[in-house]
Amino acid sequence: MQLPRKLKDMKRILKEELLDADQGSPHEVASALRSLRWVNRMFGGNSMHTRLLRHAAAGASARPLHLLEVASGRADALQTAIKRLCWQQRVRITLLDRSALHLPPSSAWSADLPEPELIAADALHIPLPADSVDIVGSCLFLHHLRDSEARVFLAEALRVARIAVVVNDLERHRLHYLLSRIASLVDPSRLSRHDGPVSVRRAYTTLELDRMLRACGYRFQVHRGFLFRLGLVVWKHHGPLAV
């Protein structure tokens, strides 16, 4: 197992992930999405999504919330969060992914939740009007983007959102990279065995995101979680500045 020479100074490397490049059969894509579901369940992704949505919606009115999840895949973390928050009767759900193959079939969607609207589109060009949803969310998406693309995404998500954008992602760290390499030895998905360590190398650090968001003038809050999970709530009009 080869590790970066200087783990303490591990730089961001934008190596392509196989799932992004559609380098897999439908069966392999489904296997990779199952691995992502397992990672979110076991290593803090579901808990972070619940925490971020609860925080973002704390001041919302009693009307049903319209949630848009971009780069959603099967949206497993979102499904879990809605159930934990007991929002089944107070949400409208829209899922957006660039690949229709990644969007959930009925068999991958909980019968306890409202049926989602599905959109196959680019998260950098969301085909919805301004202020058309309450909260825009993403899970394990931001690290796929270059700095310039991340700025475009945040601006586009804030255009569509009425309240906030929530970002649930990884934090780049030498220990996290080592754990991802160990996990890749037992991951049943060929795509995930490659993409897991690559994702960590592509991830932003808290400092990098703090600098980016401050430079853009956004009001935001940082949430850090179990095993280098990193969350952001970026407010549309209100909220504390850079907490």
C-alpha atoms as a PDB file:
ATOM      1  CA  MET A   1       0.000   0.000   0.000  1.00  0.00           C
ATOM      2  CA  GLN A   2       1.581   3.268  -1.151  1.00  0.00           C
ATOM      3  CA  LEU A   3       0.888   6.359   0.939  1.00  0.00           C
ATOM      4  CA  PRO A   4       1.694  10.004   0.221  1.00  0.00           C
ATOM      5  CA  ARG A   5       5.284  10.838   1.157  1.00  0.00           C
ATOM      6  CA  LYS A   6       4.250  13.704   3.403  1.00  0.00           C
ATOM      7  CA  LEU A   7       0.895  12.803   4.875  1.00  0.00           C
ATOM      8  CA  LYS A   8       0.959  15.791   7.172  1.00  0.00           C
ATOM      9  CA  ASP A   9       1.136  18.079   4.107  1.00  0.00           C
ATOM     10  CA  MET A  10      -1.201  16.066   1.903  1.00  0.00           C
ATOM     11  CA  LYS A  11      -2.153  18.280  -1.024  1.00  0.00           C
ATOM     12  CA  ARG A  12      -5.441  18.198  -2.844  1.00  0.00           C
ATOM     13  CA  ILE A  13      -5.204  16.022  -5.967  1.00  0.00           C
ATOM     14  CA  LEU A  14      -7.982  16.083  -8.568  1.00  0.00           C
ATOM     15  CA  LYS A  15      -7.786  12.533  -9.868  1.00  0.00           C
ATOM     16  CA  GLU A  16     -10.958  11.390 -11.636  1.00  0.00           C
ATOM     17  CA  GLU A  17     -13.351   9.053  -9.841  1.00  0.00           C
ATOM     18  CA  LEU A  18     -14.699   6.107 -11.793  1.00  0.00           C
ATOM     19  CA  LEU A  19     -18.307   6.691 -10.771  1.00  0.00           C
ATOM     20  CA  ASP A  20     -18.086  10.254 -12.076  1.00  0.00           C
ATOM     21  CA  ALA A  21     -16.746   9.010 -15.388  1.00  0.00           C
ATOM     22  CA  ASP A  22     -19.491   6.366 -15.740  1.00  0.00           C
ATOM     23  CA  GLN A  23     -16.797   3.707 -15.973  1.00  0.00           C
ATOM     24  CA  GLY A  24     -18.952   0.837 -14.847  1.00  0.00           C
ATOM     25  CA  SER A  25     -21.873  -1.333 -15.804  1.00  0.00           C
ATOM     26  CA  PRO A  26     -25.328  -0.711 -14.289  1.00  0.00           C
ATOM     27  CA  HIS A  27     -24.572  -3.557 -11.862  1.00  0.00           C
ATOM     28  CA  GLU A  28     -21.268  -1.936 -10.822  1.00  0.00           C
ATOM     29  CA  VAL A  29     -22.906   1.467 -10.410  1.00  0.00           C
ATOM     30  CA  ALA A  30     -25.576  -0.073  -8.174  1.00  0.00           C
ATOM     31  CA  SER A  31     -22.854  -1.783  -6.134  1.00  0.00           C
ATOM     32  CA  ALA A  32     -20.964   1.507  -5.721  1.00  0.00           C
ATOM     33  CA  LEU A  33     -24.114   3.298  -4.578  1.00  0.00           C
ATOM     34  CA  ARG A  34     -24.733   0.546  -2.013  1.00  0.00           C
ATOM     35  CA  SER A  35     -21.197   1.077  -0.713  1.00  0.00           C
ATOM     36  CA  LEU A  36     -21.887   4.791  -0.352  1.00  0.00           C
ATOM     37  CA  ARG A  37     -25.019   3.991   1.621  1.00  0.00           C
ATOM     38  CA  TRP A  38     -22.961   1.799   3.969  1.00  0.00           C
ATOM     39  CA  VAL A  39     -20.295   4.494   4.395  1.00  0.00           C
ATOM     40  CA  ASN A  40     -22.894   7.133   5.253  1.00  0.00           C
ATOM     41  CA  ARG A  41     -24.636   4.836   7.715  1.00  0.00           C
ATOM     42  CA  MET A  42     -21.508   3.619   9.508  1.00  0.00           C
ATOM     43  CA  PHE A  43     -19.245   6.663   9.418  1.00  0.00           C
ATOM     44  CA  GLY A  44     -21.360   9.662  10.257  1.00  0.00           C
ATOM     45  CA  GLY A  45     -22.865  10.720   6.947  1.00  0.00           C
ATOM     46  CA  ASN A  46     -26.471  10.118   7.959  1.00  0.00           C
ATOM     47  CA  SER A  47     -25.985  11.811  11.310  1.00  0.00           C
ATOM     48  CA  MET A  48     -24.352  14.828   9.703  1.00  0.00           C
ATOM     49  CA  HIS A  49     -27.165  15.200   7.153  1.00  0.00           C
ATOM     50  CA  THR A  50     -29.742  15.074   9.934  1.00  0.00           C
ATOM     51  CA  ARG A  51     -27.822  17.641  11.959  1.00  0.00           C
ATOM     52  CA  LEU A  52     -27.430  20.052   9.033  1.00  0.00           C
ATOM     53  CA  LEU A  53     -31.066  19.881   7.937  1.00  0.00           C
ATOM     54  CA  ARG A  54     -32.315  20.366  11.492  1.00  0.00           C
ATOM     55  CA  HIS A  55     -30.121  23.424  11.879  1.00  0.00           C
ATOM     56  CA  ALA A  56     -31.015  24.934   8.506  1.00  0.00           C
ATOM     57  CA  ALA A  57     -34.757  24.494   9.058  1.00  0.00           C
ATOM     58  CA  ALA A  58     -34.822  25.675  12.669  1.00  0.00           C
ATOM     59  CA  GLY A  59     -36.392  29.022  11.801  1.00  0.00           C
ATOM     60  CA  ALA A  60     -38.609  27.817   8.965  1.00  0.00           C
ATOM     61  CA  SER A  61     -42.365  28.248   9.044  1.00  0.00           C
ATOM     62  CA  ALA A  62     -44.716  25.356   9.683  1.00  0.00           C
ATOM     63  CA  ARG A  63     -45.535  24.959   5.987  1.00  0.00           C
ATOM     64  CA  PRO A  64     -44.170  21.924   4.164  1.00  0.00           C
ATOM     65  CA  LEU A  65     -40.475  22.283   3.368  1.00  0.00           C
ATOM     66  CA  HIS A  66     -39.313  21.801  -0.196  1.00  0.00           C
ATOM     67  CA  LEU A  67     -35.950  20.007  -0.151  1.00  0.00           C
ATOM     68  CA  LEU A  68     -33.737  19.737  -3.230  1.00  0.00           C
ATOM     69  CA  GLU A  69     -30.907  17.206  -3.028  1.00  0.00           C
ATOM     70  CA  VAL A  70     -28.327  17.655  -5.794  1.00  0.00           C
ATOM     71  CA  ALA A  71     -25.965  14.951  -7.039  1.00  0.00           C
ATOM     72  CA  SER A  72     -28.358  12.852  -5.029  1.00  0.00           C
ATOM     73  CA  GLY A  73     -27.633   9.322  -6.138  1.00  0.00           C
ATOM     74  CA  ARG A  74     -30.067   7.189  -4.164  1.00  0.00           C
ATOM     75  CA  ALA A  75     -30.342   9.961  -1.521  1.00  0.00           C
ATOM     76  CA  ASP A  76     -29.965   7.468   1.328  1.00  0.00           C
ATOM     77  CA  ALA A  77     -28.655  10.058   3.805  1.00  0.00           C
ATOM     78  CA  LEU A  78     -31.576  12.344   2.989  1.00  0.00           C
ATOM     79  CA  GLN A  79     -34.110   9.546   3.433  1.00  0.00           C
ATOM     80  CA  THR A  80     -32.647   8.668   6.819  1.00  0.00           C
ATOM     81  CA  ALA A  81     -32.540  12.300   7.927  1.00  0.00           C
ATOM     82  CA  ILE A  82     -36.184  12.941   7.042  1.00  0.00           C
ATOM     83  CA  LYS A  83     -37.254   9.919   9.076  1.00  0.00           C
ATOM     84  CA  ARG A  84     -35.103  10.864  12.063  1.00  0.00           C
ATOM     85  CA  LEU A  85     -36.534  14.378  11.998  1.00  0.00           C
ATOM     86  CA  CYS A  86     -40.084  13.019  11.635  1.00  0.00           C
ATOM     87  CA  TRP A  87     -40.616  15.204   8.578  1.00  0.00           C
ATOM     88  CA  GLN A  88     -42.493  12.603   6.525  1.00  0.00           C
ATOM     89  CA  GLN A  89     -45.654  14.714   6.471  1.00  0.00           C
ATOM     90  CA  ARG A  90     -44.002  18.112   6.065  1.00  0.00           C
ATOM     91  CA  VAL A  91     -41.647  17.802   3.112  1.00  0.00           C
ATOM     92  CA  ARG A  92     -41.702  17.960  -0.654  1.00  0.00           C
ATOM     93  CA  ILE A  93     -38.630  16.303  -2.174  1.00  0.00           C
ATOM     94  CA  THR A  94     -36.812  16.914  -5.437  1.00  0.00           C
ATOM     95  CA  LEU A  95     -33.745  14.885  -6.394  1.00  0.00           C
ATOM     96  CA  LEU A  96     -31.281  16.009  -9.040  1.00  0.00           C
ATOM     97  CA  ASP A  97     -28.410  14.004 -10.492  1.00  0.00           C
ATOM     98  CA  ARG A  98     -26.489  14.384 -13.733  1.00  0.00           C
ATOM     99  CA  SER A  99     -27.069  10.681 -14.426  1.00  0.00           C
ATOM    100  CA  ALA A 100     -30.585   9.269 -14.541  1.00  0.00           C
ATOM    101  CA  LEU A 101     -28.993   5.893 -13.758  1.00  0.00           C
ATOM    102  CA  HIS A 102     -27.955   7.209 -10.325  1.00  0.00           C
ATOM    103  CA  LEU A 103     -31.427   8.425  -9.361  1.00  0.00           C
ATOM    104  CA  PRO A 104     -33.416   6.039  -7.143  1.00  0.00           C
ATOM    105  CA  PRO A 105     -35.832   3.553  -8.658  1.00  0.00           C
ATOM    106  CA  SER A 106     -38.974   2.924  -6.653  1.00  0.00           C
ATOM    107  CA  SER A 107     -37.324  -0.097  -5.031  1.00  0.00           C
ATOM    108  CA  ALA A 108     -34.621   2.167  -3.548  1.00  0.00           C
ATOM    109  CA  TRP A 109     -37.055   4.724  -2.134  1.00  0.00           C
ATOM    110  CA  SER A 110     -38.729   4.368   1.249  1.00  0.00           C
ATOM    111  CA  ALA A 111     -42.473   3.834   1.078  1.00  0.00           C
ATOM    112  CA  ASP A 112     -42.762   5.949   4.248  1.00  0.00           C
ATOM    113  CA  LEU A 113     -41.658   9.099   2.407  1.00  0.00           C
ATOM    114  CA  PRO A 114     -43.360  11.290  -0.187  1.00  0.00           C
ATOM    115  CA  GLU A 115     -42.495  10.281  -3.726  1.00  0.00           C
ATOM    116  CA  PRO A 116     -39.706  12.526  -5.020  1.00  0.00           C
ATOM    117  CA  GLU A 117     -39.599  14.511  -8.221  1.00  0.00           C
ATOM    118  CA  LEU A 118     -36.593  13.289 -10.231  1.00  0.00           C
ATOM    119  CA  ILE A 119     -34.471  15.563 -12.418  1.00  0.00           C
ATOM    120  CA  ALA A 120     -31.499  14.477 -14.545  1.00  0.00           C
ATOM    121  CA  ALA A 121     -29.399  17.642 -14.779  1.00  0.00           C
ATOM    122  CA  ASP A 122     -26.104  19.326 -13.908  1.00  0.00           C
ATOM    123  CA  ALA A 123     -25.851  20.697 -10.360  1.00  0.00           C
ATOM    124  CA  LEU A 124     -23.895  23.671 -11.730  1.00  0.00           C
ATOM    125  CA  HIS A 125     -26.902  24.625 -13.852  1.00  0.00           C
ATOM    126  CA  ILE A 126     -29.981  23.773 -11.792  1.00  0.00           C
ATOM    127  CA  PRO A 127     -33.060  23.997 -14.049  1.00  0.00           C
ATOM    128  CA  LEU A 128     -35.282  25.592 -11.405  1.00  0.00           C
ATOM    129  CA  PRO A 129     -36.345  29.220 -10.809  1.00  0.00           C
ATOM    130  CA  ALA A 130     -34.789  31.415  -8.149  1.00  0.00           C
ATOM    131  CA  ASP A 131     -36.148  30.910  -4.605  1.00  0.00           C
ATOM    132  CA  SER A 132     -38.087  27.839  -5.725  1.00  0.00           C
ATOM    133  CA  VAL A 133     -37.050  25.464  -2.908  1.00  0.00           C
ATOM    134  CA  ASP A 134     -36.399  25.964   0.790  1.00  0.00           C
ATOM    135  CA  ILE A 135     -33.151  24.062   1.295  1.00  0.00           C
ATOM    136  CA  VAL A 136     -30.633  22.741  -1.218  1.00  0.00           C
ATOM    137  CA  GLY A 137     -28.591  19.822   0.095  1.00  0.00           C
ATOM    138  CA  SER A 138     -25.687  17.729  -1.093  1.00  0.00           C
ATOM    139  CA  CYS A 139     -23.893  14.701   0.294  1.00  0.00           C
ATOM    140  CA  LEU A 140     -20.379  13.722  -0.804  1.00  0.00           C
ATOM    141  CA  PHE A 141     -20.534  16.042  -3.783  1.00  0.00           C
ATOM    142  CA  LEU A 142     -18.462  19.160  -3.094  1.00  0.00           C
ATOM    143  CA  HIS A 143     -15.139  17.320  -3.172  1.00  0.00           C
ATOM    144  CA  HIS A 144     -15.825  16.363  -6.796  1.00  0.00           C
ATOM    145  CA  LEU A 145     -15.563  20.023  -7.793  1.00  0.00           C
ATOM    146  CA  ARG A 146     -12.607  22.228  -8.544  1.00  0.00           C
ATOM    147  CA  ASP A 147     -12.414  25.467  -6.579  1.00  0.00           C
ATOM    148  CA  SER A 148     -13.961  27.468  -9.417  1.00  0.00           C
ATOM    149  CA  GLU A 149     -16.730  24.878  -9.855  1.00  0.00           C
ATOM    150  CA  ALA A 150     -17.454  24.836  -6.118  1.00  0.00           C
ATOM    151  CA  ARG A 151     -17.996  28.598  -6.231  1.00  0.00           C
ATOM    152  CA  VAL A 152     -20.365  28.228  -9.177  1.00  0.00           C
ATOM    153  CA  PHE A 153     -22.278  25.461  -7.415  1.00  0.00           C
ATOM    154  CA  LEU A 154     -22.710  27.420  -4.189  1.00  0.00           C
ATOM    155  CA  ALA A 155     -23.893  30.491  -6.083  1.00  0.00           C
ATOM    156  CA  GLU A 156     -26.341  28.407  -8.116  1.00  0.00           C
ATOM    157  CA  ALA A 157     -27.631  26.544  -5.056  1.00  0.00           C
ATOM    158  CA  LEU A 158     -28.140  29.814  -3.170  1.00  0.00           C
ATOM    159  CA  ARG A 159     -29.998  31.230  -6.161  1.00  0.00           C
ATOM    160  CA  VAL A 160     -32.502  28.363  -6.004  1.00  0.00           C
ATOM    161  CA  ALA A 161     -32.782  28.197  -2.187  1.00  0.00           C
ATOM    162  CA  ARG A 162     -35.000  30.376  -0.031  1.00  0.00           C
ATOM    163  CA  ILE A 163     -33.338  29.513   3.298  1.00  0.00           C
ATOM    164  CA  ALA A 164     -29.966  27.788   3.030  1.00  0.00           C
ATOM    165  CA  VAL A 165     -27.634  25.346   1.340  1.00  0.00           C
ATOM    166  CA  VAL A 166     -26.314  22.401   3.345  1.00  0.00           C
ATOM    167  CA  VAL A 167     -23.123  20.598   2.361  1.00  0.00           C
ATOM    168  CA  ASN A 168     -22.267  17.192   3.826  1.00  0.00           C
ATOM    169  CA  ASP A 169     -18.798  16.068   2.824  1.00  0.00           C
ATOM    170  CA  LEU A 170     -15.379  14.776   3.830  1.00  0.00           C
ATOM    171  CA  GLU A 171     -12.386  16.577   5.267  1.00  0.00           C
ATOM    172  CA  ARG A 172      -8.985  15.803   3.767  1.00  0.00           C
ATOM    173  CA  HIS A 173      -6.693  14.373   6.424  1.00  0.00           C
ATOM    174  CA  ARG A 174      -3.792  11.935   6.445  1.00  0.00           C
ATOM    175  CA  LEU A 175      -5.514   9.524   8.843  1.00  0.00           C
ATOM    176  CA  HIS A 176      -8.721   9.599   6.813  1.00  0.00           C
ATOM    177  CA  TYR A 177      -6.726   8.720   3.707  1.00  0.00           C
ATOM    178  CA  LEU A 178      -5.095   5.777   5.465  1.00  0.00           C
ATOM    179  CA  LEU A 179      -8.478   4.498   6.664  1.00  0.00           C
ATOM    180  CA  SER A 180      -9.894   4.796   3.152  1.00  0.00           C
ATOM    181  CA  ARG A 181      -7.026   2.709   1.770  1.00  0.00           C
ATOM    182  CA  ILE A 182      -7.661   0.036   4.398  1.00  0.00           C
ATOM    183  CA  ALA A 183     -11.398   0.065   3.646  1.00  0.00           C
ATOM    184  CA  SER A 184     -10.685  -0.315  -0.068  1.00  0.00           C
ATOM    185  CA  LEU A 185      -9.164  -3.728   0.649  1.00  0.00           C
ATOM    186  CA  VAL A 186     -12.547  -5.126   1.685  1.00  0.00           C
ATOM    187  CA  ASP A 187     -15.038  -2.989  -0.249  1.00  0.00           C
ATOM    188  CA  PRO A 188     -17.118  -5.255  -2.537  1.00  0.00           C
ATOM    189  CA  SER A 189     -17.482  -2.512  -5.166  1.00  0.00           C
ATOM    190  CA  ARG A 190     -14.735  -2.176  -7.770  1.00  0.00           C
ATOM    191  CA  LEU A 191     -15.646   1.451  -8.331  1.00  0.00           C
ATOM    192  CA  SER A 192     -15.656   2.291  -4.629  1.00  0.00           C
ATOM    193  CA  ARG A 193     -12.327   0.570  -4.031  1.00  0.00           C
ATOM    194  CA  HIS A 194     -10.834   3.097  -6.421  1.00  0.00           C
ATOM    195  CA  ASP A 195     -13.023   6.092  -5.593  1.00  0.00           C
ATOM    196  CA  GLY A 196     -12.797   5.986  -1.786  1.00  0.00           C
ATOM    197  CA  PRO A 197      -9.134   7.000  -1.420  1.00  0.00           C
ATOM    198  CA  VAL A 198      -9.449   9.345  -4.410  1.00  0.00           C
ATOM    199  CA  SER A 199     -12.370  11.107  -2.684  1.00  0.00           C
ATOM    200  CA  VAL A 200     -10.256  11.825   0.384  1.00  0.00           C
ATOM    201  CA  ARG A 201      -7.443  13.237  -1.755  1.00  0.00           C
ATOM    202  CA  ARG A 202      -9.972  15.444  -3.586  1.00  0.00           C
ATOM    203  CA  ALA A 203     -11.659  16.676  -0.396  1.00  0.00           C
ATOM    204  CA  TYR A 204     -11.245  20.192   0.964  1.00  0.00           C
ATOM    205  CA  THR A 205      -9.931  21.026   4.403  1.00  0.00           C
ATOM    206  CA  THR A 206     -11.923  23.195   6.791  1.00  0.00           C
ATOM    207  CA  LEU A 207      -9.424  26.015   6.297  1.00  0.00           C
ATOM    208  CA  GLU A 208      -9.757  25.888   2.510  1.00  0.00           C
ATOM    209  CA  LEU A 209     -13.544  26.059   2.658  1.00  0.00           C
ATOM    210  CA  ASP A 210     -13.444  28.809   5.280  1.00  0.00           C
ATOM    211  CA  ARG A 211     -11.261  30.929   2.999  1.00  0.00           C
ATOM    212  CA  MET A 212     -13.466  30.249  -0.027  1.00  0.00           C
ATOM    213  CA  LEU A 213     -16.716  31.101   1.725  1.00  0.00           C
ATOM    214  CA  ARG A 214     -15.309  34.238   3.358  1.00  0.00           C
ATOM    215  CA  ALA A 215     -13.954  35.395  -0.006  1.00  0.00           C
ATOM    216  CA  CYS A 216     -17.452  34.972  -1.483  1.00  0.00           C
ATOM    217  CA  GLY A 217     -18.985  36.951   1.391  1.00  0.00           C
ATOM    218  CA  TYR A 218     -21.318  34.145   2.441  1.00  0.00           C
ATOM    219  CA  ARG A 219     -22.767  33.726   5.911  1.00  0.00           C
ATOM    220  CA  PHE A 220     -22.064  30.178   6.991  1.00  0.00           C
ATOM    221  CA  GLN A 221     -21.565  27.752   9.831  1.00  0.00           C
ATOM    222  CA  VAL A 222     -19.143  24.846   9.928  1.00  0.00           C
ATOM    223  CA  HIS A 223     -20.074  21.524  11.524  1.00  0.00           C
ATOM    224  CA  ARG A 224     -17.460  18.851  12.108  1.00  0.00           C
ATOM    225  CA  GLY A 225     -18.442  15.268  12.835  1.00  0.00           C
ATOM    226  CA  PHE A 226     -17.280  11.726  13.396  1.00  0.00           C
ATOM    227  CA  LEU A 227     -14.331  10.443  11.358  1.00  0.00           C
ATOM    228  CA  PHE A 228     -13.522  13.651   9.491  1.00  0.00           C
ATOM    229  CA  ARG A 229     -17.051  14.361   8.361  1.00  0.00           C
ATOM    230  CA  LEU A 230     -17.415  18.020   7.440  1.00  0.00           C
ATOM    231  CA  GLY A 231     -20.674  19.936   7.172  1.00  0.00           C
ATOM    232  CA  LEU A 232     -21.636  23.443   6.127  1.00  0.00           C
ATOM    233  CA  VAL A 233     -24.798  25.483   6.403  1.00  0.00           C
ATOM    234  CA  VAL A 234     -24.594  28.440   4.026  1.00  0.00           C
ATOM    235  CA  TRP A 235     -27.389  30.948   4.640  1.00  0.00           C
ATOM    236  CA  LYS A 236     -29.276  32.780   1.920  1.00  0.00           C
ATOM    237  CA  HIS A 237     -30.030  35.961   3.839  1.00  0.00           C
ATOM    238  CA  HIS A 238     -29.492  35.423   7.546  1.00  0.00           C
ATOM    239  CA  GLY A 239     -27.572  33.491  10.136  1.00  0.00           C
ATOM    240  CA  PRO A 240     -24.253  34.137  11.869  1.00  0.00           C
ATOM    241  CA  LEU A 241     -21.191  35.034   9.814  1.00  0.00           C
ATOM    242  CA  ALA A 242     -18.471  32.433   9.628  1.00  0.00           C
ATOM    243  CA  VAL A 243     -19.145  30.537  12.845  1.00  0.00           C
END
